Amino acid sequence: MIQHPLQYVVNNKSLLTSIAQKYGTPFYLYSGDRIKNNLQHLSGALNDHFQKNQIYYAVKANSNPHLIGFMKSIYPNLGCDCSSPGELFVANKTGISSARCIYTGNYESQDDLKAALDSGCHINLDDIQSFHRLAQIQVPEEISFRVNPGFGSGRFKEITTGGEKAKFGIPKEKITEAYQLALSHGVKTFGLHCFTGSGILDKNYFTQLIRAVLEISTMVESECRIQFKYISIGGGYGIPYKEDDPTLDIDRVFNNIASEFYSVYSREQCPVFCVEPGKYLVGDAGILIA
């Protein structure tokens, strides 16, 4: 078994002591090698299977601007998934433009919506009422809606964000209504978003998810006579926390998703496939020294 890069530091007490004496405690210590490996592994698998794709790092996982800037230096096309004006600010501070950011709030205030609108980022709304509030400020050229496909998954119930009891996303039975509303206000370009839970280690779950998303996307495109510019299935790619936890086979995940995706869309004329990893990139790359 290959040793985790941080394990060397943990086992080297003299090195830990010297770092603690220099910087003081408590502090977080991160492995750049681990973050680089995680990002290259995910981006490599994604690029192997999708001609058009976009990675939006979920800033909520760790908003340290040094880590985000480090990831951007490794993968210049990196974007950010933001859920507050503060996260947009952090992304911009690292040199990631708002054009490479997607903003997904939840029960956003007028000020939050205006900040997202003024930034020029991609706006993703998880409630029809959010569009009404946004339209009072300004109708954007582009909009995305977050759909709740009626099911979800997660390492535990508190981080399951899809299903009947989830507060996130527009129920699939009402999603067409959301796009029709946007069309009636003059919106020209559209995306579709879905994120149903965090910490998922079952590679087959993502196949189930993309099938549901594609069923919804084709329904909306047909009924509203639109074509999606991009489709995001969010994050949720889990990492093992215990020794007996499986490791998610991310290459198999994207291979399975691509098979479903390209059975519906042609490779030449398809939406950009987007993902929003968070803990998958940074969750196993840091330790707290105290």
C-alpha atoms as a PDB file:
ATOM      1  CA  MET A   1       0.000   0.000   0.000  1.00  0.00           C
ATOM      2  CA  ILE A   2       1.347   3.464  -0.920  1.00  0.00           C
ATOM      3  CA  GLN A   3       1.853   5.642   2.137  1.00  0.00           C
ATOM      4  CA  HIS A   4      -0.295   8.749   2.377  1.00  0.00           C
ATOM      5  CA  PRO A   5       1.952  11.839   1.981  1.00  0.00           C
ATOM      6  CA  LEU A   6       0.823  13.194   5.359  1.00  0.00           C
ATOM      7  CA  GLN A   7       1.657   9.957   7.143  1.00  0.00           C
ATOM      8  CA  TYR A   8       5.361  10.700   6.790  1.00  0.00           C
ATOM      9  CA  VAL A   9       4.833  14.019   8.605  1.00  0.00           C
ATOM     10  CA  VAL A  10       2.705  12.440  11.330  1.00  0.00           C
ATOM     11  CA  ASN A  11       5.395   9.827  11.974  1.00  0.00           C
ATOM     12  CA  ASN A  12       8.175  12.421  11.975  1.00  0.00           C
ATOM     13  CA  LYS A  13       7.812  14.070  15.378  1.00  0.00           C
ATOM     14  CA  SER A  14      10.918  16.228  15.011  1.00  0.00           C
ATOM     15  CA  LEU A  15       9.560  17.714  11.781  1.00  0.00           C
ATOM     16  CA  LEU A  16       6.178  18.388  13.399  1.00  0.00           C
ATOM     17  CA  THR A  17       7.869  20.005  16.360  1.00  0.00           C
ATOM     18  CA  SER A  18       9.968  22.285  14.170  1.00  0.00           C
ATOM     19  CA  ILE A  19       6.904  23.385  12.185  1.00  0.00           C
ATOM     20  CA  ALA A  20       4.946  24.013  15.383  1.00  0.00           C
ATOM     21  CA  GLN A  21       7.792  26.076  16.829  1.00  0.00           C
ATOM     22  CA  LYS A  22       7.972  28.180  13.669  1.00  0.00           C
ATOM     23  CA  TYR A  23       4.272  28.825  13.171  1.00  0.00           C
ATOM     24  CA  GLY A  24       2.675  28.158  16.542  1.00  0.00           C
ATOM     25  CA  THR A  25      -0.352  25.963  17.192  1.00  0.00           C
ATOM     26  CA  PRO A  26      -3.069  25.172  16.363  1.00  0.00           C
ATOM     27  CA  PHE A  27      -2.707  25.089  12.577  1.00  0.00           C
ATOM     28  CA  TYR A  28      -3.781  23.040   9.585  1.00  0.00           C
ATOM     29  CA  LEU A  29      -1.114  21.248   7.604  1.00  0.00           C
ATOM     30  CA  TYR A  30      -1.922  20.316   4.008  1.00  0.00           C
ATOM     31  CA  SER A  31      -0.259  17.971   1.556  1.00  0.00           C
ATOM     32  CA  GLY A  32       0.167  19.640  -1.824  1.00  0.00           C
ATOM     33  CA  ASP A  33       1.080  16.276  -3.334  1.00  0.00           C
ATOM     34  CA  ARG A  34      -2.198  14.768  -2.151  1.00  0.00           C
ATOM     35  CA  ILE A  35      -4.314  17.625  -3.517  1.00  0.00           C
ATOM     36  CA  LYS A  36      -2.431  17.483  -6.812  1.00  0.00           C
ATOM     37  CA  ASN A  37      -2.938  13.721  -7.044  1.00  0.00           C
ATOM     38  CA  ASN A  38      -6.653  13.996  -6.265  1.00  0.00           C
ATOM     39  CA  LEU A  39      -7.200  16.758  -8.818  1.00  0.00           C
ATOM     40  CA  GLN A  40      -5.203  15.061 -11.553  1.00  0.00           C
ATOM     41  CA  HIS A  41      -6.964  11.763 -10.924  1.00  0.00           C
ATOM     42  CA  LEU A  42     -10.414  13.342 -11.173  1.00  0.00           C
ATOM     43  CA  SER A  43      -9.657  15.649 -14.109  1.00  0.00           C
ATOM     44  CA  GLY A  44      -7.894  12.876 -15.998  1.00  0.00           C
ATOM     45  CA  ALA A  45     -10.879  10.546 -15.658  1.00  0.00           C
ATOM     46  CA  LEU A  46     -13.253  13.317 -16.637  1.00  0.00           C
ATOM     47  CA  ASN A  47     -11.232  14.327 -19.702  1.00  0.00           C
ATOM     48  CA  ASP A  48     -10.906  10.698 -20.786  1.00  0.00           C
ATOM     49  CA  HIS A  49     -14.674  10.319 -21.035  1.00  0.00           C
ATOM     50  CA  PHE A  50     -16.089  13.774 -21.839  1.00  0.00           C
ATOM     51  CA  GLN A  51     -15.058  16.034 -24.705  1.00  0.00           C
ATOM     52  CA  LYS A  52     -16.699  19.063 -23.107  1.00  0.00           C
ATOM     53  CA  ASN A  53     -16.524  19.274 -19.332  1.00  0.00           C
ATOM     54  CA  GLN A  54     -16.042  21.711 -16.482  1.00  0.00           C
ATOM     55  CA  ILE A  55     -14.856  21.200 -12.905  1.00  0.00           C
ATOM     56  CA  TYR A  56     -16.281  23.639 -10.361  1.00  0.00           C
ATOM     57  CA  TYR A  57     -14.493  23.205  -7.036  1.00  0.00           C
ATOM     58  CA  ALA A  58     -17.043  23.392  -4.196  1.00  0.00           C
ATOM     59  CA  VAL A  59     -15.629  26.248  -2.134  1.00  0.00           C
ATOM     60  CA  LYS A  60     -17.767  25.242   0.859  1.00  0.00           C
ATOM     61  CA  ALA A  61     -15.511  22.196   1.301  1.00  0.00           C
ATOM     62  CA  ASN A  62     -12.543  24.431   2.185  1.00  0.00           C
ATOM     63  CA  SER A  63     -12.444  28.141   1.385  1.00  0.00           C
ATOM     64  CA  ASN A  64      -8.713  28.614   2.025  1.00  0.00           C
ATOM     65  CA  PRO A  65      -7.669  30.814  -0.934  1.00  0.00           C
ATOM     66  CA  HIS A  66      -4.130  29.390  -0.919  1.00  0.00           C
ATOM     67  CA  LEU A  67      -5.496  25.894  -1.570  1.00  0.00           C
ATOM     68  CA  ILE A  68      -7.804  27.120  -4.331  1.00  0.00           C
ATOM     69  CA  GLY A  69      -4.967  29.067  -5.951  1.00  0.00           C
ATOM     70  CA  PHE A  70      -2.754  25.989  -5.710  1.00  0.00           C
ATOM     71  CA  MET A  71      -5.394  23.866  -7.467  1.00  0.00           C
ATOM     72  CA  LYS A  72      -5.775  26.499 -10.187  1.00  0.00           C
ATOM     73  CA  SER A  73      -2.006  26.411 -10.771  1.00  0.00           C
ATOM     74  CA  ILE A  74      -2.291  22.672 -11.405  1.00  0.00           C
ATOM     75  CA  TYR A  75      -5.506  22.815 -13.437  1.00  0.00           C
ATOM     76  CA  PRO A  76      -5.921  26.278 -15.049  1.00  0.00           C
ATOM     77  CA  ASN A  77      -9.469  25.515 -16.248  1.00  0.00           C
ATOM     78  CA  LEU A  78     -10.689  25.070 -12.674  1.00  0.00           C
ATOM     79  CA  GLY A  79     -13.880  26.911 -11.776  1.00  0.00           C
ATOM     80  CA  CYS A  80     -15.632  27.383  -8.442  1.00  0.00           C
ATOM     81  CA  ASP A  81     -19.019  26.336  -7.100  1.00  0.00           C
ATOM     82  CA  CYS A  82     -20.087  29.116  -4.735  1.00  0.00           C
ATOM     83  CA  SER A  83     -23.036  29.400  -2.374  1.00  0.00           C
ATOM     84  CA  SER A  84     -22.515  32.909  -0.976  1.00  0.00           C
ATOM     85  CA  PRO A  85     -21.111  36.279  -2.051  1.00  0.00           C
ATOM     86  CA  GLY A  86     -18.176  35.574   0.276  1.00  0.00           C
ATOM     87  CA  GLU A  87     -17.288  32.432  -1.658  1.00  0.00           C
ATOM     88  CA  LEU A  88     -17.468  34.365  -4.934  1.00  0.00           C
ATOM     89  CA  PHE A  89     -15.065  36.878  -3.395  1.00  0.00           C
ATOM     90  CA  VAL A  90     -12.632  34.124  -2.411  1.00  0.00           C
ATOM     91  CA  ALA A  91     -12.761  32.585  -5.888  1.00  0.00           C
ATOM     92  CA  ASN A  92     -12.016  35.917  -7.540  1.00  0.00           C
ATOM     93  CA  LYS A  93      -9.138  36.533  -5.100  1.00  0.00           C
ATOM     94  CA  THR A  94      -7.450  33.373  -6.361  1.00  0.00           C
ATOM     95  CA  GLY A  95      -7.667  34.528  -9.970  1.00  0.00           C
ATOM     96  CA  ILE A  96     -10.703  32.460 -10.925  1.00  0.00           C
ATOM     97  CA  SER A  97     -13.019  34.745 -12.866  1.00  0.00           C
ATOM     98  CA  SER A  98     -16.741  34.909 -12.148  1.00  0.00           C
ATOM     99  CA  ALA A  99     -17.321  33.557 -15.656  1.00  0.00           C
ATOM    100  CA  ARG A 100     -15.857  30.284 -14.326  1.00  0.00           C
ATOM    101  CA  CYS A 101     -18.036  30.285 -11.216  1.00  0.00           C
ATOM    102  CA  ILE A 102     -21.495  28.867 -10.660  1.00  0.00           C
ATOM    103  CA  TYR A 103     -23.580  30.312  -7.833  1.00  0.00           C
ATOM    104  CA  THR A 104     -26.100  28.063  -6.097  1.00  0.00           C
ATOM    105  CA  GLY A 105     -27.814  29.597  -3.089  1.00  0.00           C
ATOM    106  CA  ASN A 106     -30.661  28.447  -0.904  1.00  0.00           C
ATOM    107  CA  TYR A 107     -33.384  30.908   0.102  1.00  0.00           C
ATOM    108  CA  GLU A 108     -31.151  33.736  -1.106  1.00  0.00           C
ATOM    109  CA  SER A 109     -31.675  37.335  -0.043  1.00  0.00           C
ATOM    110  CA  GLN A 110     -32.122  40.132  -2.598  1.00  0.00           C
ATOM    111  CA  ASP A 111     -28.596  41.295  -1.789  1.00  0.00           C
ATOM    112  CA  ASP A 112     -27.175  37.811  -2.418  1.00  0.00           C
ATOM    113  CA  LEU A 113     -28.933  37.547  -5.761  1.00  0.00           C
ATOM    114  CA  LYS A 114     -27.767  41.012  -6.786  1.00  0.00           C
ATOM    115  CA  ALA A 115     -24.175  40.166  -5.847  1.00  0.00           C
ATOM    116  CA  ALA A 116     -24.323  37.021  -7.973  1.00  0.00           C
ATOM    117  CA  LEU A 117     -25.944  38.866 -10.855  1.00  0.00           C
ATOM    118  CA  ASP A 118     -23.466  41.752 -10.757  1.00  0.00           C
ATOM    119  CA  SER A 119     -20.509  39.347 -10.687  1.00  0.00           C
ATOM    120  CA  GLY A 120     -21.363  37.823 -14.067  1.00  0.00           C
ATOM    121  CA  CYS A 121     -21.248  34.240 -12.793  1.00  0.00           C
ATOM    122  CA  HIS A 122     -23.550  31.395 -13.806  1.00  0.00           C
ATOM    123  CA  ILE A 123     -26.619  31.539 -11.574  1.00  0.00           C
ATOM    124  CA  ASN A 124     -28.295  28.324 -10.474  1.00  0.00           C
ATOM    125  CA  LEU A 125     -31.602  28.600  -8.601  1.00  0.00           C
ATOM    126  CA  ASP A 126     -33.140  25.869  -6.462  1.00  0.00           C
ATOM    127  CA  ASP A 127     -36.585  27.417  -6.066  1.00  0.00           C
ATOM    128  CA  ILE A 128     -39.056  29.034  -8.471  1.00  0.00           C
ATOM    129  CA  GLN A 129     -39.585  31.907  -6.028  1.00  0.00           C
ATOM    130  CA  SER A 130     -35.888  32.730  -6.325  1.00  0.00           C
ATOM    131  CA  PHE A 131     -36.427  33.510  -9.984  1.00  0.00           C
ATOM    132  CA  HIS A 132     -39.251  35.907  -9.137  1.00  0.00           C
ATOM    133  CA  ARG A 133     -36.917  37.726  -6.713  1.00  0.00           C
ATOM    134  CA  LEU A 134     -34.120  37.758  -9.272  1.00  0.00           C
ATOM    135  CA  ALA A 135     -36.423  39.126 -11.981  1.00  0.00           C
ATOM    136  CA  GLN A 136     -37.254  42.075  -9.716  1.00  0.00           C
ATOM    137  CA  ILE A 137     -33.589  43.057  -9.942  1.00  0.00           C
ATOM    138  CA  GLN A 138     -32.844  42.059 -13.526  1.00  0.00           C
ATOM    139  CA  VAL A 139     -33.632  39.169 -15.854  1.00  0.00           C
ATOM    140  CA  PRO A 140     -30.364  37.445 -16.793  1.00  0.00           C
ATOM    141  CA  GLU A 141     -29.485  36.168 -20.254  1.00  0.00           C
ATOM    142  CA  GLU A 142     -28.781  32.720 -18.786  1.00  0.00           C
ATOM    143  CA  ILE A 143     -30.222  30.710 -15.924  1.00  0.00           C
ATOM    144  CA  SER A 144     -29.973  27.217 -14.466  1.00  0.00           C
ATOM    145  CA  PHE A 145     -32.386  25.480 -12.137  1.00  0.00           C
ATOM    146  CA  ARG A 146     -31.596  22.789  -9.591  1.00  0.00           C
ATOM    147  CA  VAL A 147     -33.926  19.829  -9.886  1.00  0.00           C
ATOM    148  CA  ASN A 148     -34.837  17.355  -7.160  1.00  0.00           C
ATOM    149  CA  PRO A 149     -35.216  14.018  -8.975  1.00  0.00           C
ATOM    150  CA  GLY A 150     -37.239  12.498  -6.131  1.00  0.00           C
ATOM    151  CA  PHE A 151     -34.441  10.481  -4.522  1.00  0.00           C
ATOM    152  CA  GLY A 152     -31.077  11.073  -2.931  1.00  0.00           C
ATOM    153  CA  SER A 153     -28.145   9.488  -1.171  1.00  0.00           C
ATOM    154  CA  GLY A 154     -25.437  10.410   1.311  1.00  0.00           C
ATOM    155  CA  ARG A 155     -23.137   9.005   3.955  1.00  0.00           C
ATOM    156  CA  PHE A 156     -25.852   9.869   6.489  1.00  0.00           C
ATOM    157  CA  LYS A 157     -29.307  11.404   6.230  1.00  0.00           C
ATOM    158  CA  GLU A 158     -28.267  14.952   7.172  1.00  0.00           C
ATOM    159  CA  ILE A 159     -26.174  15.252   3.999  1.00  0.00           C
ATOM    160  CA  THR A 160     -28.731  13.679   1.683  1.00  0.00           C
ATOM    161  CA  THR A 161     -30.039  16.577  -0.393  1.00  0.00           C
ATOM    162  CA  GLY A 162     -32.502  14.886  -2.745  1.00  0.00           C
ATOM    163  CA  GLY A 163     -35.820  13.145  -2.148  1.00  0.00           C
ATOM    164  CA  GLU A 164     -39.254  13.945  -0.788  1.00  0.00           C
ATOM    165  CA  LYS A 165     -38.029  15.502   2.466  1.00  0.00           C
ATOM    166  CA  ALA A 166     -35.139  17.479   0.994  1.00  0.00           C
ATOM    167  CA  LYS A 167     -35.371  21.276   1.086  1.00  0.00           C
ATOM    168  CA  PHE A 168     -33.085  21.646  -1.931  1.00  0.00           C
ATOM    169  CA  GLY A 169     -34.143  21.738  -5.560  1.00  0.00           C
ATOM    170  CA  ILE A 170     -37.334  22.050  -7.552  1.00  0.00           C
ATOM    171  CA  PRO A 171     -39.388  18.825  -7.634  1.00  0.00           C
ATOM    172  CA  LYS A 172     -39.108  17.160 -11.016  1.00  0.00           C
ATOM    173  CA  GLU A 173     -42.887  17.479 -11.433  1.00  0.00           C
ATOM    174  CA  LYS A 174     -42.501  21.282 -11.405  1.00  0.00           C
ATOM    175  CA  ILE A 175     -39.187  21.750 -13.163  1.00  0.00           C
ATOM    176  CA  THR A 176     -40.707  22.395 -16.591  1.00  0.00           C
ATOM    177  CA  GLU A 177     -42.763  25.188 -15.039  1.00  0.00           C
ATOM    178  CA  ALA A 178     -39.542  26.878 -13.908  1.00  0.00           C
ATOM    179  CA  TYR A 179     -38.056  26.905 -17.402  1.00  0.00           C
ATOM    180  CA  GLN A 180     -41.302  28.074 -18.954  1.00  0.00           C
ATOM    181  CA  LEU A 181     -41.326  30.954 -16.469  1.00  0.00           C
ATOM    182  CA  ALA A 182     -37.771  31.906 -17.411  1.00  0.00           C
ATOM    183  CA  LEU A 183     -38.618  31.710 -21.117  1.00  0.00           C
ATOM    184  CA  SER A 184     -41.620  33.976 -20.641  1.00  0.00           C
ATOM    185  CA  HIS A 185     -39.277  36.572 -19.095  1.00  0.00           C
ATOM    186  CA  GLY A 186     -36.886  36.463 -22.028  1.00  0.00           C
ATOM    187  CA  VAL A 187     -34.083  34.224 -20.751  1.00  0.00           C
ATOM    188  CA  LYS A 188     -32.124  32.868 -23.736  1.00  0.00           C
ATOM    189  CA  THR A 189     -29.629  30.300 -22.419  1.00  0.00           C
ATOM    190  CA  PHE A 190     -30.155  27.459 -19.959  1.00  0.00           C
ATOM    191  CA  GLY A 191     -28.400  24.961 -17.763  1.00  0.00           C
ATOM    192  CA  LEU A 192     -29.696  22.105 -15.613  1.00  0.00           C
ATOM    193  CA  HIS A 193     -28.341  21.194 -12.196  1.00  0.00           C
ATOM    194  CA  CYS A 194     -28.822  18.287  -9.796  1.00  0.00           C
ATOM    195  CA  PHE A 195     -27.068  17.450  -6.536  1.00  0.00           C
ATOM    196  CA  THR A 196     -28.594  14.812  -4.292  1.00  0.00           C
ATOM    197  CA  GLY A 197     -26.131  14.060  -1.505  1.00  0.00           C
ATOM    198  CA  SER A 198     -22.582  13.955  -0.181  1.00  0.00           C
ATOM    199  CA  GLY A 199     -20.010  11.333   0.680  1.00  0.00           C
ATOM    200  CA  ILE A 200     -21.277   8.698  -1.775  1.00  0.00           C
ATOM    201  CA  LEU A 201     -19.001   5.694  -2.288  1.00  0.00           C
ATOM    202  CA  ASP A 202     -21.298   3.578  -4.461  1.00  0.00           C
ATOM    203  CA  LYS A 203     -20.150   3.999  -8.078  1.00  0.00           C
ATOM    204  CA  ASN A 204     -23.463   2.624  -9.357  1.00  0.00           C
ATOM    205  CA  TYR A 205     -25.442   5.406  -7.678  1.00  0.00           C
ATOM    206  CA  PHE A 206     -24.123   7.993 -10.115  1.00  0.00           C
ATOM    207  CA  THR A 207     -25.352   5.897 -13.035  1.00  0.00           C
ATOM    208  CA  GLN A 208     -28.821   5.897 -11.504  1.00  0.00           C
ATOM    209  CA  LEU A 209     -28.566   9.649 -10.986  1.00  0.00           C
ATOM    210  CA  ILE A 210     -27.510  10.538 -14.532  1.00  0.00           C
ATOM    211  CA  ARG A 211     -30.310   8.394 -15.966  1.00  0.00           C
ATOM    212  CA  ALA A 212     -32.832  10.380 -13.936  1.00  0.00           C
ATOM    213  CA  VAL A 213     -31.225  13.697 -14.915  1.00  0.00           C
ATOM    214  CA  LEU A 214     -31.216  12.799 -18.605  1.00  0.00           C
ATOM    215  CA  GLU A 215     -34.859  11.792 -18.453  1.00  0.00           C
ATOM    216  CA  ILE A 216     -35.621  15.217 -16.986  1.00  0.00           C
ATOM    217  CA  SER A 217     -33.362  17.131 -19.383  1.00  0.00           C
ATOM    218  CA  THR A 218     -34.913  15.575 -22.489  1.00  0.00           C
ATOM    219  CA  MET A 219     -38.403  16.202 -21.127  1.00  0.00           C
ATOM    220  CA  VAL A 220     -37.671  19.889 -20.485  1.00  0.00           C
ATOM    221  CA  GLU A 221     -35.934  20.362 -23.829  1.00  0.00           C
ATOM    222  CA  SER A 222     -38.887  18.813 -25.639  1.00  0.00           C
ATOM    223  CA  GLU A 223     -41.641  20.646 -23.780  1.00  0.00           C
ATOM    224  CA  CYS A 224     -39.887  24.027 -23.705  1.00  0.00           C
ATOM    225  CA  ARG A 225     -38.155  23.737 -27.100  1.00  0.00           C
ATOM    226  CA  ILE A 226     -34.744  24.631 -25.688  1.00  0.00           C
ATOM    227  CA  GLN A 227     -31.301  23.062 -25.700  1.00  0.00           C
ATOM    228  CA  PHE A 228     -29.252  22.956 -22.527  1.00  0.00           C
ATOM    229  CA  LYS A 229     -25.854  24.629 -22.651  1.00  0.00           C
ATOM    230  CA  TYR A 230     -24.604  22.643 -19.687  1.00  0.00           C
ATOM    231  CA  ILE A 231     -25.744  19.919 -17.297  1.00  0.00           C
ATOM    232  CA  SER A 232     -24.258  19.543 -13.821  1.00  0.00           C
ATOM    233  CA  ILE A 233     -24.683  16.582 -11.495  1.00  0.00           C
ATOM    234  CA  GLY A 234     -22.952  18.431  -8.660  1.00  0.00           C
ATOM    235  CA  GLY A 235     -20.606  16.678  -6.274  1.00  0.00           C
ATOM    236  CA  GLY A 236     -21.077  13.950  -3.708  1.00  0.00           C
ATOM    237  CA  TYR A 237     -17.986  11.905  -4.630  1.00  0.00           C
ATOM    238  CA  GLY A 238     -17.034  10.335  -1.338  1.00  0.00           C
ATOM    239  CA  ILE A 239     -13.734   9.528   0.312  1.00  0.00           C
ATOM    240  CA  PRO A 240     -13.029   6.692   2.761  1.00  0.00           C
ATOM    241  CA  TYR A 241     -13.008   7.728   6.420  1.00  0.00           C
ATOM    242  CA  LYS A 242     -12.422   4.283   7.886  1.00  0.00           C
ATOM    243  CA  GLU A 243      -9.976   1.534   6.984  1.00  0.00           C
ATOM    244  CA  ASP A 244     -12.748  -0.745   5.762  1.00  0.00           C
ATOM    245  CA  ASP A 245     -14.430   1.936   3.612  1.00  0.00           C
ATOM    246  CA  PRO A 246     -14.179   1.310  -0.140  1.00  0.00           C
ATOM    247  CA  THR A 247     -12.413   3.787  -2.417  1.00  0.00           C
ATOM    248  CA  LEU A 248     -14.661   5.297  -5.069  1.00  0.00           C
ATOM    249  CA  ASP A 249     -13.542   4.227  -8.552  1.00  0.00           C
ATOM    250  CA  ILE A 250     -13.872   7.657 -10.167  1.00  0.00           C
ATOM    251  CA  ASP A 251     -12.800   6.443 -13.611  1.00  0.00           C
ATOM    252  CA  ARG A 252     -15.564   3.832 -13.589  1.00  0.00           C
ATOM    253  CA  VAL A 253     -18.011   6.468 -12.334  1.00  0.00           C
ATOM    254  CA  PHE A 254     -17.355   8.777 -15.288  1.00  0.00           C
ATOM    255  CA  ASN A 255     -17.165   5.898 -17.752  1.00  0.00           C
ATOM    256  CA  ASN A 256     -20.648   4.768 -16.709  1.00  0.00           C
ATOM    257  CA  ILE A 257     -22.013   8.311 -16.759  1.00  0.00           C
ATOM    258  CA  ALA A 258     -20.556   8.957 -20.219  1.00  0.00           C
ATOM    259  CA  SER A 259     -22.182   5.822 -21.607  1.00  0.00           C
ATOM    260  CA  GLU A 260     -25.579   7.124 -20.507  1.00  0.00           C
ATOM    261  CA  PHE A 261     -24.855  10.732 -21.469  1.00  0.00           C
ATOM    262  CA  TYR A 262     -23.796   9.950 -25.035  1.00  0.00           C
ATOM    263  CA  SER A 263     -26.701   7.587 -25.531  1.00  0.00           C
ATOM    264  CA  VAL A 264     -28.886  10.704 -25.339  1.00  0.00           C
ATOM    265  CA  TYR A 265     -26.628  13.474 -26.683  1.00  0.00           C
ATOM    266  CA  SER A 266     -24.233  13.340 -29.622  1.00  0.00           C
ATOM    267  CA  ARG A 267     -20.588  14.037 -28.878  1.00  0.00           C
ATOM    268  CA  GLU A 268     -20.593  16.930 -31.329  1.00  0.00           C
ATOM    269  CA  GLN A 269     -23.738  18.681 -30.112  1.00  0.00           C
ATOM    270  CA  CYS A 270     -24.042  18.018 -26.412  1.00  0.00           C
ATOM    271  CA  PRO A 271     -24.220  20.130 -23.271  1.00  0.00           C
ATOM    272  CA  VAL A 272     -21.042  20.717 -21.283  1.00  0.00           C
ATOM    273  CA  PHE A 273     -20.899  18.078 -18.544  1.00  0.00           C
ATOM    274  CA  CYS A 274     -20.133  19.702 -15.171  1.00  0.00           C
ATOM    275  CA  VAL A 275     -19.148  18.382 -11.751  1.00  0.00           C
ATOM    276  CA  GLU A 276     -18.669  20.113  -8.393  1.00  0.00           C
ATOM    277  CA  PRO A 277     -16.230  18.096  -6.258  1.00  0.00           C
ATOM    278  CA  GLY A 278     -15.315  19.311  -2.784  1.00  0.00           C
ATOM    279  CA  LYS A 279     -14.157  16.812  -0.206  1.00  0.00           C
ATOM    280  CA  TYR A 280     -12.962  14.490  -2.982  1.00  0.00           C
ATOM    281  CA  LEU A 281     -10.186  17.018  -3.707  1.00  0.00           C
ATOM    282  CA  VAL A 282      -9.270  18.288  -0.248  1.00  0.00           C
ATOM    283  CA  GLY A 283     -10.948  16.086   2.366  1.00  0.00           C
ATOM    284  CA  ASP A 284      -8.014  13.743   2.869  1.00  0.00           C
ATOM    285  CA  ALA A 285      -5.258  16.319   2.303  1.00  0.00           C
ATOM    286  CA  GLY A 286      -5.081  18.065   5.654  1.00  0.00           C
ATOM    287  CA  ILE A 287      -4.477  17.446   9.358  1.00  0.00           C
ATOM    288  CA  LEU A 288      -4.940  19.645  12.415  1.00  0.00           C
ATOM    289  CA  ILE A 289      -1.861  20.162  14.590  1.00  0.00           C
ATOM    290  CA  ALA A 290      -2.537  21.271  18.151  1.00  0.00           C
END
